[in-house]
Amino acid sequence: MLTAEPGPGVSSAKSAAPDSCQIRNKKFGELLRPEDANSANGTRIVLYPAQPWKCMTWKMYPAGELVFHLQNHFTSKTFAPVTKPDVAQAAVTQVPFSREAPDCPAWRFTKMPDGLYQITEVKSGKALTAVASEGGGMRVVVTPWQKEDEQKWELLEIDPSKLTM
């Protein structure tokens, strides 16, 4: 359940400056990023092998108790599920980042006993999940929480000044 200490890589709601981190999937061992580092709205969020790149690094702005708005260091955008009624699995795509809280997707980071995180979209209550993509690669969707490794995430602290591109 929720803990008083957010854990490494996650700032407390009282923090003024956002922490930066890379988000790695437990099952596949790869990091979240916009597909092909594309900055266009609607670009799918996918997994990619770890690199010290801006497109794989996210600023975490506190938005409540263990709730954050995420902003990509390279594209300056965030991500949200494509909303379709009664869909069990919704694709996650890049959308504009807004400083206005109601207009910015919010994600709840629930630390699990093993130190990994369940990342849940606040509006839908669905969990960030990695799935195999047709033609290879991994894409990111939201699905109901099933406690599967493809729904568990590790937060890797990273110094943005050390990013190479």
C-alpha atoms as a PDB file:
ATOM      1  CA  MET A   1       0.000   0.000   0.000  1.00  0.00           C
ATOM      2  CA  LEU A   2       1.037   3.615   0.203  1.00  0.00           C
ATOM      3  CA  THR A   3       4.014   4.403   2.372  1.00  0.00           C
ATOM      4  CA  ALA A   4       4.955   7.580   4.182  1.00  0.00           C
ATOM      5  CA  GLU A   5       8.261   7.658   2.310  1.00  0.00           C
ATOM      6  CA  PRO A   6       7.862   7.696  -1.470  1.00  0.00           C
ATOM      7  CA  GLY A   7      11.193   5.935  -1.989  1.00  0.00           C
ATOM      8  CA  PRO A   8      14.127   6.666  -4.265  1.00  0.00           C
ATOM      9  CA  GLY A   9      13.365   8.575  -7.421  1.00  0.00           C
ATOM     10  CA  VAL A  10      10.011   9.853  -6.211  1.00  0.00           C
ATOM     11  CA  SER A  11       9.814  13.227  -4.547  1.00  0.00           C
ATOM     12  CA  SER A  12       7.434  13.949  -1.734  1.00  0.00           C
ATOM     13  CA  ALA A  13       4.394  16.082  -2.447  1.00  0.00           C
ATOM     14  CA  LYS A  14       6.139  18.939  -0.604  1.00  0.00           C
ATOM     15  CA  SER A  15       9.147  19.027  -2.948  1.00  0.00           C
ATOM     16  CA  ALA A  16       9.391  22.205  -5.019  1.00  0.00           C
ATOM     17  CA  ALA A  17      11.618  20.912  -7.822  1.00  0.00           C
ATOM     18  CA  PRO A  18      10.753  17.791  -9.792  1.00  0.00           C
ATOM     19  CA  ASP A  19      12.929  14.726  -9.550  1.00  0.00           C
ATOM     20  CA  SER A  20      14.047  13.117 -12.773  1.00  0.00           C
ATOM     21  CA  CYS A  21      13.973   9.406 -13.373  1.00  0.00           C
ATOM     22  CA  GLN A  22      13.871   6.696 -15.961  1.00  0.00           C
ATOM     23  CA  ILE A  23      11.067   4.153 -15.665  1.00  0.00           C
ATOM     24  CA  ARG A  24      12.040   0.513 -16.292  1.00  0.00           C
ATOM     25  CA  ASN A  25       9.615  -2.362 -16.756  1.00  0.00           C
ATOM     26  CA  LYS A  26      10.299  -5.414 -14.565  1.00  0.00           C
ATOM     27  CA  LYS A  27       9.406  -8.101 -17.120  1.00  0.00           C
ATOM     28  CA  PHE A  28      11.172  -6.652 -20.153  1.00  0.00           C
ATOM     29  CA  GLY A  29      13.940  -4.601 -18.483  1.00  0.00           C
ATOM     30  CA  GLU A  30      13.487  -1.679 -20.887  1.00  0.00           C
ATOM     31  CA  LEU A  31      12.617   2.000 -20.385  1.00  0.00           C
ATOM     32  CA  LEU A  32       9.559   4.126 -21.213  1.00  0.00           C
ATOM     33  CA  ARG A  33       9.936   6.615 -24.052  1.00  0.00           C
ATOM     34  CA  PRO A  34       7.983   8.109 -26.977  1.00  0.00           C
ATOM     35  CA  GLU A  35       8.359   5.865 -30.035  1.00  0.00           C
ATOM     36  CA  ASP A  36      11.369   6.937 -32.152  1.00  0.00           C
ATOM     37  CA  ALA A  37      11.800   9.915 -29.767  1.00  0.00           C
ATOM     38  CA  ASN A  38       9.066  11.590 -31.820  1.00  0.00           C
ATOM     39  CA  SER A  39       7.637  14.777 -30.304  1.00  0.00           C
ATOM     40  CA  ALA A  40       4.289  14.623 -32.143  1.00  0.00           C
ATOM     41  CA  ASN A  41       1.068  14.372 -30.172  1.00  0.00           C
ATOM     42  CA  GLY A  42      -0.371  10.863 -30.435  1.00  0.00           C
ATOM     43  CA  THR A  43       3.049   9.176 -30.611  1.00  0.00           C
ATOM     44  CA  ARG A  44       2.873   5.796 -28.898  1.00  0.00           C
ATOM     45  CA  ILE A  45       4.750   5.247 -25.669  1.00  0.00           C
ATOM     46  CA  VAL A  46       6.993   2.201 -26.008  1.00  0.00           C
ATOM     47  CA  LEU A  47       9.838   0.398 -24.255  1.00  0.00           C
ATOM     48  CA  TYR A  48      13.419   0.722 -25.451  1.00  0.00           C
ATOM     49  CA  PRO A  49      16.794  -0.601 -24.210  1.00  0.00           C
ATOM     50  CA  ALA A  50      18.323   1.675 -21.565  1.00  0.00           C
ATOM     51  CA  GLN A  51      20.343   4.688 -22.732  1.00  0.00           C
ATOM     52  CA  PRO A  52      21.246   7.969 -20.962  1.00  0.00           C
ATOM     53  CA  TRP A  53      18.933   9.917 -23.283  1.00  0.00           C
ATOM     54  CA  LYS A  54      16.538  12.788 -22.573  1.00  0.00           C
ATOM     55  CA  CYS A  55      13.718  10.975 -24.409  1.00  0.00           C
ATOM     56  CA  MET A  56      13.912   8.183 -21.791  1.00  0.00           C
ATOM     57  CA  THR A  57      13.907  10.494 -18.791  1.00  0.00           C
ATOM     58  CA  TRP A  58      10.907  11.988 -17.014  1.00  0.00           C
ATOM     59  CA  LYS A  59      10.464  14.944 -14.648  1.00  0.00           C
ATOM     60  CA  MET A  60       8.085  14.091 -11.807  1.00  0.00           C
ATOM     61  CA  TYR A  61       5.945  16.998 -10.592  1.00  0.00           C
ATOM     62  CA  PRO A  62       4.056  16.280  -7.351  1.00  0.00           C
ATOM     63  CA  ALA A  63       0.260  16.461  -7.787  1.00  0.00           C
ATOM     64  CA  GLY A  64      -1.002  14.954  -4.537  1.00  0.00           C
ATOM     65  CA  GLU A  65      -0.133  12.106  -2.193  1.00  0.00           C
ATOM     66  CA  LEU A  66       2.101   9.835  -4.307  1.00  0.00           C
ATOM     67  CA  VAL A  67       0.478  11.311  -7.448  1.00  0.00           C
ATOM     68  CA  PHE A  68       2.616  12.919 -10.136  1.00  0.00           C
ATOM     69  CA  HIS A  69       2.488  14.666 -13.488  1.00  0.00           C
ATOM     70  CA  LEU A  70       5.272  13.338 -15.734  1.00  0.00           C
ATOM     71  CA  GLN A  71       7.079  15.433 -18.340  1.00  0.00           C
ATOM     72  CA  ASN A  72       9.563  14.061 -20.851  1.00  0.00           C
ATOM     73  CA  HIS A  73      12.952  15.832 -20.840  1.00  0.00           C
ATOM     74  CA  PHE A  74      13.272  15.672 -24.639  1.00  0.00           C
ATOM     75  CA  THR A  75       9.750  16.364 -25.932  1.00  0.00           C
ATOM     76  CA  SER A  76       8.495  18.416 -22.927  1.00  0.00           C
ATOM     77  CA  LYS A  77       5.254  16.398 -23.224  1.00  0.00           C
ATOM     78  CA  THR A  78       3.524  13.801 -21.078  1.00  0.00           C
ATOM     79  CA  PHE A  79       1.474  10.692 -21.810  1.00  0.00           C
ATOM     80  CA  ALA A  80      -2.073   9.458 -21.286  1.00  0.00           C
ATOM     81  CA  PRO A  81      -4.244   6.544 -22.344  1.00  0.00           C
ATOM     82  CA  VAL A  82      -6.334   6.944 -25.483  1.00  0.00           C
ATOM     83  CA  THR A  83      -9.841   7.103 -24.092  1.00  0.00           C
ATOM     84  CA  LYS A  84     -12.314   4.685 -25.597  1.00  0.00           C
ATOM     85  CA  PRO A  85     -15.401   3.479 -23.765  1.00  0.00           C
ATOM     86  CA  ASP A  86     -15.427  -0.102 -22.475  1.00  0.00           C
ATOM     87  CA  VAL A  87     -11.931  -0.981 -23.698  1.00  0.00           C
ATOM     88  CA  ALA A  88      -9.982  -3.299 -21.392  1.00  0.00           C
ATOM     89  CA  GLN A  89      -6.636  -2.249 -22.878  1.00  0.00           C
ATOM     90  CA  ALA A  90      -6.082   1.385 -23.911  1.00  0.00           C
ATOM     91  CA  ALA A  91      -2.948   2.500 -25.779  1.00  0.00           C
ATOM     92  CA  VAL A  92      -0.802   5.120 -24.056  1.00  0.00           C
ATOM     93  CA  THR A  93       0.270   8.014 -26.272  1.00  0.00           C
ATOM     94  CA  GLN A  94       2.092  11.301 -25.957  1.00  0.00           C
ATOM     95  CA  VAL A  95      -0.012  14.384 -25.200  1.00  0.00           C
ATOM     96  CA  PRO A  96       0.791  18.025 -24.422  1.00  0.00           C
ATOM     97  CA  PHE A  97       1.974  18.778 -20.888  1.00  0.00           C
ATOM     98  CA  SER A  98      -0.166  21.362 -19.132  1.00  0.00           C
ATOM     99  CA  ARG A  99       0.703  23.358 -16.028  1.00  0.00           C
ATOM    100  CA  GLU A 100      -3.030  23.331 -15.246  1.00  0.00           C
ATOM    101  CA  ALA A 101      -3.608  20.277 -13.027  1.00  0.00           C
ATOM    102  CA  PRO A 102      -7.056  19.309 -14.378  1.00  0.00           C
ATOM    103  CA  ASP A 103      -5.679  19.275 -17.938  1.00  0.00           C
ATOM    104  CA  CYS A 104      -2.591  17.185 -17.147  1.00  0.00           C
ATOM    105  CA  PRO A 105      -2.717  13.392 -16.786  1.00  0.00           C
ATOM    106  CA  ALA A 106      -1.921  12.266 -13.246  1.00  0.00           C
ATOM    107  CA  TRP A 107      -0.279   8.992 -12.251  1.00  0.00           C
ATOM    108  CA  ARG A 108      -0.293   7.336  -8.807  1.00  0.00           C
ATOM    109  CA  PHE A 109       2.945   5.590  -7.803  1.00  0.00           C
ATOM    110  CA  THR A 110       2.212   2.828  -5.293  1.00  0.00           C
ATOM    111  CA  LYS A 111       5.363   1.295  -3.857  1.00  0.00           C
ATOM    112  CA  MET A 112       5.136  -2.480  -3.469  1.00  0.00           C
ATOM    113  CA  PRO A 113       6.992  -4.603  -0.873  1.00  0.00           C
ATOM    114  CA  ASP A 114       9.674  -5.564  -3.445  1.00  0.00           C
ATOM    115  CA  GLY A 115      10.519  -1.876  -4.031  1.00  0.00           C
ATOM    116  CA  LEU A 116       8.901  -1.766  -7.478  1.00  0.00           C
ATOM    117  CA  TYR A 117       5.947   0.471  -8.330  1.00  0.00           C
ATOM    118  CA  GLN A 118       2.446   0.023  -9.606  1.00  0.00           C
ATOM    119  CA  ILE A 119       1.805   3.106 -11.757  1.00  0.00           C
ATOM    120  CA  THR A 120      -1.903   3.812 -12.089  1.00  0.00           C
ATOM    121  CA  GLU A 121      -3.644   6.472 -14.132  1.00  0.00           C
ATOM    122  CA  VAL A 122      -5.717   8.432 -11.625  1.00  0.00           C
ATOM    123  CA  LYS A 123      -8.792   8.964 -13.871  1.00  0.00           C
ATOM    124  CA  SER A 124      -9.305   5.355 -14.980  1.00  0.00           C
ATOM    125  CA  GLY A 125      -7.640   3.514 -12.115  1.00  0.00           C
ATOM    126  CA  LYS A 126      -5.900   1.302 -14.698  1.00  0.00           C
ATOM    127  CA  ALA A 127      -2.264   0.260 -14.421  1.00  0.00           C
ATOM    128  CA  LEU A 128       0.558   1.101 -16.818  1.00  0.00           C
ATOM    129  CA  THR A 129       1.353  -2.176 -18.605  1.00  0.00           C
ATOM    130  CA  ALA A 130       3.946  -3.277 -21.189  1.00  0.00           C
ATOM    131  CA  VAL A 131       2.734  -5.581 -23.980  1.00  0.00           C
ATOM    132  CA  ALA A 132       4.329  -7.146 -27.051  1.00  0.00           C
ATOM    133  CA  SER A 133       3.672  -5.166 -30.211  1.00  0.00           C
ATOM    134  CA  GLU A 134       2.797  -6.631 -33.595  1.00  0.00           C
ATOM    135  CA  GLY A 135       5.995  -6.741 -35.626  1.00  0.00           C
ATOM    136  CA  GLY A 136       8.220  -6.729 -32.527  1.00  0.00           C
ATOM    137  CA  GLY A 137       9.010  -4.277 -29.797  1.00  0.00           C
ATOM    138  CA  MET A 138       7.036  -3.391 -26.708  1.00  0.00           C
ATOM    139  CA  ARG A 139       4.286  -0.837 -26.429  1.00  0.00           C
ATOM    140  CA  VAL A 140       2.640   0.589 -23.340  1.00  0.00           C
ATOM    141  CA  VAL A 141      -1.059   0.415 -22.493  1.00  0.00           C
ATOM    142  CA  VAL A 142      -3.249   0.702 -19.407  1.00  0.00           C
ATOM    143  CA  THR A 143      -5.120  -2.358 -18.171  1.00  0.00           C
ATOM    144  CA  PRO A 144      -6.798  -3.463 -14.945  1.00  0.00           C
ATOM    145  CA  TRP A 145      -4.224  -4.349 -12.264  1.00  0.00           C
ATOM    146  CA  GLN A 146      -3.324  -8.075 -12.365  1.00  0.00           C
ATOM    147  CA  LYS A 147      -0.069  -8.052 -10.308  1.00  0.00           C
ATOM    148  CA  GLU A 148       1.881  -9.188 -13.413  1.00  0.00           C
ATOM    149  CA  ASP A 149       5.562  -8.333 -13.987  1.00  0.00           C
ATOM    150  CA  GLU A 150       4.617  -6.364 -17.111  1.00  0.00           C
ATOM    151  CA  GLN A 151       2.736  -3.985 -14.749  1.00  0.00           C
ATOM    152  CA  LYS A 152       5.608  -3.456 -12.301  1.00  0.00           C
ATOM    153  CA  TRP A 153       8.061  -0.607 -12.732  1.00  0.00           C
ATOM    154  CA  GLU A 154      11.411   0.427 -11.294  1.00  0.00           C
ATOM    155  CA  LEU A 155      12.296   4.094 -10.915  1.00  0.00           C
ATOM    156  CA  LEU A 156      15.914   4.863 -11.763  1.00  0.00           C
ATOM    157  CA  GLU A 157      17.189   8.192 -10.502  1.00  0.00           C
ATOM    158  CA  ILE A 158      19.252  10.024 -13.081  1.00  0.00           C
ATOM    159  CA  ASP A 159      21.016  13.368 -13.160  1.00  0.00           C
ATOM    160  CA  PRO A 160      19.612  15.279 -16.183  1.00  0.00           C
ATOM    161  CA  SER A 161      22.978  17.002 -16.692  1.00  0.00           C
ATOM    162  CA  LYS A 162      24.466  13.592 -17.578  1.00  0.00           C
ATOM    163  CA  LEU A 163      22.014  12.861 -20.403  1.00  0.00           C
ATOM    164  CA  THR A 164      23.690  12.590 -23.803  1.00  0.00           C
ATOM    165  CA  MET A 165      20.867  13.513 -26.171  1.00  0.00           C
END
